[in-house]
N, C-alpha and C. Protein backbone atom coordinates (compact mmCIF):
# COMPACT_ATOMS: atom_id res chain seq x y z
N MET A 1 -2.41 31.74 5.49
CA MET A 1 -1.52 31.67 4.35
C MET A 1 -0.85 30.30 4.30
N LEU A 2 -0.45 29.93 3.13
CA LEU A 2 0.19 28.64 2.92
C LEU A 2 1.70 28.76 2.78
N LYS A 3 2.27 29.86 3.20
CA LYS A 3 3.70 30.07 3.00
C LYS A 3 4.56 28.99 3.65
N ASN A 4 4.17 28.54 4.83
CA ASN A 4 4.98 27.58 5.56
C ASN A 4 4.44 26.16 5.53
N LYS A 5 3.39 25.92 4.76
CA LYS A 5 2.78 24.59 4.71
C LYS A 5 2.88 24.02 3.31
N SER A 6 3.02 22.70 3.26
CA SER A 6 3.04 22.02 1.98
C SER A 6 1.65 22.12 1.35
N ALA A 7 1.61 22.41 0.07
CA ALA A 7 0.33 22.55 -0.63
C ALA A 7 -0.39 21.21 -0.76
N SER A 8 0.31 20.10 -0.58
CA SER A 8 -0.32 18.79 -0.72
C SER A 8 -0.81 18.23 0.61
N TYR A 9 -0.62 18.96 1.71
CA TYR A 9 -1.04 18.46 3.01
C TYR A 9 -2.17 19.31 3.57
N PHE A 10 -3.35 18.75 3.58
CA PHE A 10 -4.51 19.39 4.17
C PHE A 10 -5.21 18.37 5.06
N PRO A 11 -4.98 18.41 6.37
CA PRO A 11 -5.60 17.43 7.25
C PRO A 11 -7.12 17.57 7.25
N ALA A 12 -7.80 16.45 7.35
CA ALA A 12 -9.25 16.46 7.36
C ALA A 12 -9.76 17.08 8.64
N ALA A 13 -10.82 17.83 8.53
CA ALA A 13 -11.43 18.44 9.70
C ALA A 13 -12.90 18.04 9.75
N VAL A 14 -13.34 17.62 10.90
CA VAL A 14 -14.73 17.24 11.08
C VAL A 14 -15.35 18.28 12.00
N ASP A 15 -16.37 18.99 11.50
CA ASP A 15 -16.95 20.06 12.31
C ASP A 15 -18.27 19.67 12.98
N ASP A 16 -18.73 18.45 12.77
CA ASP A 16 -19.95 17.98 13.39
C ASP A 16 -19.61 17.26 14.68
N ALA A 17 -20.23 17.66 15.77
CA ALA A 17 -19.93 17.05 17.07
C ALA A 17 -20.31 15.58 17.12
N ASN A 18 -21.24 15.16 16.26
CA ASN A 18 -21.69 13.76 16.23
C ASN A 18 -20.92 12.92 15.22
N ALA A 19 -19.87 13.44 14.66
CA ALA A 19 -19.15 12.76 13.59
C ALA A 19 -17.91 12.03 14.10
N GLY A 20 -17.91 11.62 15.35
CA GLY A 20 -16.78 10.90 15.92
C GLY A 20 -16.35 9.69 15.12
N PRO A 21 -17.31 8.82 14.71
CA PRO A 21 -16.90 7.66 13.90
C PRO A 21 -16.25 8.03 12.58
N LEU A 22 -16.71 9.11 11.96
CA LEU A 22 -16.09 9.55 10.71
C LEU A 22 -14.68 10.06 10.93
N ALA A 23 -14.48 10.76 12.02
CA ALA A 23 -13.14 11.25 12.34
C ALA A 23 -12.21 10.08 12.62
N LYS A 24 -12.72 9.05 13.30
CA LYS A 24 -11.91 7.85 13.58
C LYS A 24 -11.55 7.14 12.27
N LEU A 25 -12.53 7.01 11.38
CA LEU A 25 -12.28 6.38 10.09
C LEU A 25 -11.26 7.17 9.29
N GLN A 26 -11.39 8.49 9.29
CA GLN A 26 -10.43 9.33 8.57
C GLN A 26 -9.03 9.15 9.14
N ALA A 27 -8.92 9.05 10.46
CA ALA A 27 -7.61 8.85 11.09
C ALA A 27 -7.01 7.51 10.67
N GLN A 28 -7.87 6.48 10.57
CA GLN A 28 -7.37 5.17 10.15
C GLN A 28 -6.92 5.22 8.69
N LEU A 29 -7.68 5.89 7.83
CA LEU A 29 -7.28 6.02 6.43
C LEU A 29 -5.98 6.82 6.30
N ASP A 30 -5.84 7.87 7.10
CA ASP A 30 -4.60 8.65 7.09
C ASP A 30 -3.41 7.79 7.51
N ALA A 31 -3.62 6.94 8.52
CA ALA A 31 -2.54 6.07 8.98
C ALA A 31 -2.14 5.07 7.90
N ILE A 32 -3.13 4.55 7.17
CA ILE A 32 -2.84 3.61 6.08
C ILE A 32 -2.02 4.31 4.99
N GLN A 33 -2.44 5.51 4.62
CA GLN A 33 -1.70 6.23 3.58
C GLN A 33 -0.33 6.68 4.07
N ASP A 34 -0.22 7.03 5.34
CA ASP A 34 1.08 7.42 5.89
C ASP A 34 2.05 6.25 5.91
N SER A 35 1.52 5.01 5.94
CA SER A 35 2.39 3.84 5.95
C SER A 35 2.91 3.50 4.55
N GLY A 36 2.46 4.25 3.54
CA GLY A 36 3.00 4.05 2.20
C GLY A 36 2.01 3.53 1.18
N MET A 37 0.80 3.18 1.59
CA MET A 37 -0.18 2.67 0.64
C MET A 37 -0.83 3.85 -0.08
N THR A 38 -0.90 3.76 -1.39
CA THR A 38 -1.47 4.85 -2.17
C THR A 38 -2.99 4.72 -2.27
N ALA A 39 -3.63 5.81 -2.64
CA ALA A 39 -5.08 5.80 -2.82
C ALA A 39 -5.48 4.84 -3.94
N LEU A 40 -4.67 4.74 -4.98
CA LEU A 40 -4.98 3.82 -6.07
C LEU A 40 -4.92 2.36 -5.62
N THR A 41 -3.99 2.04 -4.75
CA THR A 41 -3.89 0.68 -4.21
C THR A 41 -5.10 0.38 -3.34
N ILE A 42 -5.51 1.34 -2.53
CA ILE A 42 -6.69 1.15 -1.68
C ILE A 42 -7.92 0.93 -2.55
N ARG A 43 -8.06 1.70 -3.63
CA ARG A 43 -9.20 1.55 -4.54
C ARG A 43 -9.19 0.17 -5.18
N ASP A 44 -8.02 -0.32 -5.56
CA ASP A 44 -7.91 -1.65 -6.16
C ASP A 44 -8.32 -2.73 -5.16
N ILE A 45 -7.89 -2.59 -3.92
CA ILE A 45 -8.26 -3.54 -2.88
C ILE A 45 -9.78 -3.53 -2.65
N LEU A 46 -10.37 -2.35 -2.62
CA LEU A 46 -11.82 -2.25 -2.42
C LEU A 46 -12.58 -2.88 -3.57
N PHE A 47 -12.09 -2.71 -4.80
CA PHE A 47 -12.74 -3.33 -5.95
C PHE A 47 -12.72 -4.86 -5.82
N HIS A 48 -11.58 -5.40 -5.45
CA HIS A 48 -11.49 -6.85 -5.32
C HIS A 48 -12.32 -7.36 -4.13
N LYS A 49 -12.45 -6.54 -3.09
CA LYS A 49 -13.32 -6.90 -1.98
C LYS A 49 -14.77 -6.93 -2.45
N MET A 50 -15.15 -6.00 -3.32
CA MET A 50 -16.50 -6.00 -3.89
C MET A 50 -16.73 -7.29 -4.68
N LEU A 51 -15.73 -7.70 -5.44
CA LEU A 51 -15.85 -8.95 -6.19
C LEU A 51 -15.97 -10.14 -5.23
N ASP A 52 -15.22 -10.11 -4.14
CA ASP A 52 -15.33 -11.17 -3.12
C ASP A 52 -16.74 -11.23 -2.55
N MET A 53 -17.32 -10.06 -2.26
CA MET A 53 -18.65 -10.01 -1.68
C MET A 53 -19.73 -10.52 -2.64
N HIS A 54 -19.42 -10.50 -3.92
CA HIS A 54 -20.35 -11.03 -4.92
C HIS A 54 -19.97 -12.44 -5.35
N ALA A 55 -19.07 -13.07 -4.62
CA ALA A 55 -18.66 -14.46 -4.84
C ALA A 55 -18.11 -14.70 -6.25
N VAL A 56 -17.35 -13.73 -6.75
CA VAL A 56 -16.69 -13.89 -8.05
C VAL A 56 -15.45 -14.75 -7.82
N PRO A 57 -15.34 -15.87 -8.56
CA PRO A 57 -14.17 -16.76 -8.37
C PRO A 57 -12.84 -16.04 -8.63
N LYS A 58 -11.81 -16.53 -7.97
CA LYS A 58 -10.47 -15.91 -8.09
C LYS A 58 -9.94 -15.93 -9.52
N GLU A 59 -10.34 -16.94 -10.32
CA GLU A 59 -9.81 -17.05 -11.68
C GLU A 59 -10.73 -16.42 -12.73
N HIS A 60 -11.76 -15.70 -12.33
CA HIS A 60 -12.70 -15.09 -13.26
C HIS A 60 -12.06 -13.91 -13.99
N PHE A 61 -12.49 -13.68 -15.24
CA PHE A 61 -11.90 -12.63 -16.07
C PHE A 61 -12.09 -11.23 -15.48
N LEU A 62 -13.12 -11.02 -14.67
CA LEU A 62 -13.34 -9.69 -14.08
C LEU A 62 -12.17 -9.28 -13.18
N ARG A 63 -11.52 -10.25 -12.56
CA ARG A 63 -10.41 -9.94 -11.66
C ARG A 63 -9.15 -9.53 -12.43
N ASP A 64 -9.09 -9.86 -13.71
CA ASP A 64 -7.94 -9.49 -14.53
C ASP A 64 -8.09 -8.11 -15.17
N GLN A 65 -9.33 -7.57 -15.15
CA GLN A 65 -9.56 -6.26 -15.75
C GLN A 65 -9.03 -5.15 -14.84
N ALA A 66 -8.82 -4.01 -15.44
CA ALA A 66 -8.38 -2.85 -14.66
C ALA A 66 -9.50 -2.41 -13.71
N THR A 67 -9.11 -1.87 -12.58
CA THR A 67 -10.08 -1.37 -11.61
C THR A 67 -10.82 -0.18 -12.24
N PRO A 68 -12.16 -0.20 -12.17
CA PRO A 68 -12.92 0.92 -12.75
C PRO A 68 -12.60 2.24 -12.07
N ASP A 69 -12.79 3.33 -12.80
CA ASP A 69 -12.52 4.66 -12.25
C ASP A 69 -13.46 4.99 -11.09
N ARG A 70 -14.70 4.58 -11.21
CA ARG A 70 -15.70 4.86 -10.16
C ARG A 70 -16.22 3.55 -9.59
N LEU A 71 -15.91 3.28 -8.35
CA LEU A 71 -16.39 2.06 -7.71
C LEU A 71 -17.86 2.13 -7.36
N ASP A 72 -18.43 3.33 -7.32
CA ASP A 72 -19.85 3.48 -6.99
C ASP A 72 -20.74 3.50 -8.22
N ASP A 73 -20.19 3.18 -9.37
CA ASP A 73 -20.95 3.15 -10.61
C ASP A 73 -21.93 1.98 -10.58
N PRO A 74 -23.24 2.23 -10.69
CA PRO A 74 -24.22 1.14 -10.65
C PRO A 74 -24.03 0.12 -11.77
N ALA A 75 -23.38 0.50 -12.85
CA ALA A 75 -23.15 -0.42 -13.96
C ALA A 75 -22.29 -1.61 -13.54
N ILE A 76 -21.43 -1.41 -12.55
CA ILE A 76 -20.58 -2.52 -12.07
C ILE A 76 -21.45 -3.60 -11.45
N ILE A 77 -22.37 -3.20 -10.58
CA ILE A 77 -23.27 -4.16 -9.93
C ILE A 77 -24.18 -4.81 -10.96
N GLU A 78 -24.67 -4.01 -11.91
CA GLU A 78 -25.52 -4.56 -12.97
C GLU A 78 -24.78 -5.62 -13.77
N GLN A 79 -23.51 -5.35 -14.10
CA GLN A 79 -22.72 -6.32 -14.84
C GLN A 79 -22.52 -7.59 -14.02
N LEU A 80 -22.23 -7.44 -12.73
CA LEU A 80 -22.06 -8.61 -11.86
C LEU A 80 -23.34 -9.43 -11.82
N ASN A 81 -24.48 -8.75 -11.67
CA ASN A 81 -25.75 -9.46 -11.60
C ASN A 81 -26.08 -10.15 -12.92
N GLU A 82 -25.78 -9.49 -14.05
CA GLU A 82 -26.02 -10.09 -15.36
C GLU A 82 -25.19 -11.36 -15.55
N LEU A 83 -24.00 -11.37 -14.94
CA LEU A 83 -23.13 -12.54 -15.04
C LEU A 83 -23.49 -13.62 -14.00
N GLY A 84 -24.51 -13.34 -13.18
CA GLY A 84 -24.95 -14.31 -12.19
C GLY A 84 -24.30 -14.19 -10.83
N PHE A 85 -23.65 -13.09 -10.57
CA PHE A 85 -23.00 -12.88 -9.27
C PHE A 85 -23.81 -11.88 -8.45
N TYR A 86 -24.19 -12.32 -7.27
CA TYR A 86 -24.98 -11.48 -6.37
C TYR A 86 -24.26 -11.38 -5.04
N ARG A 87 -24.52 -10.31 -4.34
CA ARG A 87 -23.89 -10.12 -3.02
C ARG A 87 -24.28 -11.26 -2.11
N THR A 88 -23.28 -11.87 -1.49
CA THR A 88 -23.51 -13.07 -0.70
C THR A 88 -24.10 -12.79 0.67
N SER A 89 -23.73 -11.69 1.29
CA SER A 89 -24.28 -11.39 2.61
C SER A 89 -24.58 -9.91 2.71
N PRO A 90 -25.82 -9.57 3.00
CA PRO A 90 -26.17 -8.15 3.09
C PRO A 90 -25.77 -7.52 4.42
N GLY A 91 -25.06 -8.25 5.24
CA GLY A 91 -24.67 -7.76 6.56
C GLY A 91 -23.56 -6.74 6.52
N GLN A 92 -23.03 -6.45 7.67
CA GLN A 92 -22.01 -5.43 7.82
C GLN A 92 -20.69 -5.88 7.18
N VAL A 93 -20.02 -4.93 6.54
CA VAL A 93 -18.72 -5.18 5.93
C VAL A 93 -17.65 -4.94 6.99
N HIS A 94 -16.71 -5.86 7.09
CA HIS A 94 -15.63 -5.72 8.09
C HIS A 94 -14.33 -5.41 7.39
């Protein structure tokens, strides 16, 4: 029952024994949000990181637009490629 628990607090549970890295990542994300950063701010940061990875200049008009609702939308990458921006390094993201 939820009588004694806040309806907005549901800690993530990982039930796969091999999912240690995912549990660690979830703990890090929880710590970031617990420090006061909202999910919308994190999404905005990730969008600008995507633009960085595609070598979009800091003064480009794409950086002034609102962050898209879905960062995984293939249309974003298509638009970047049409404008001549391609991912600079296919390596691991840090």
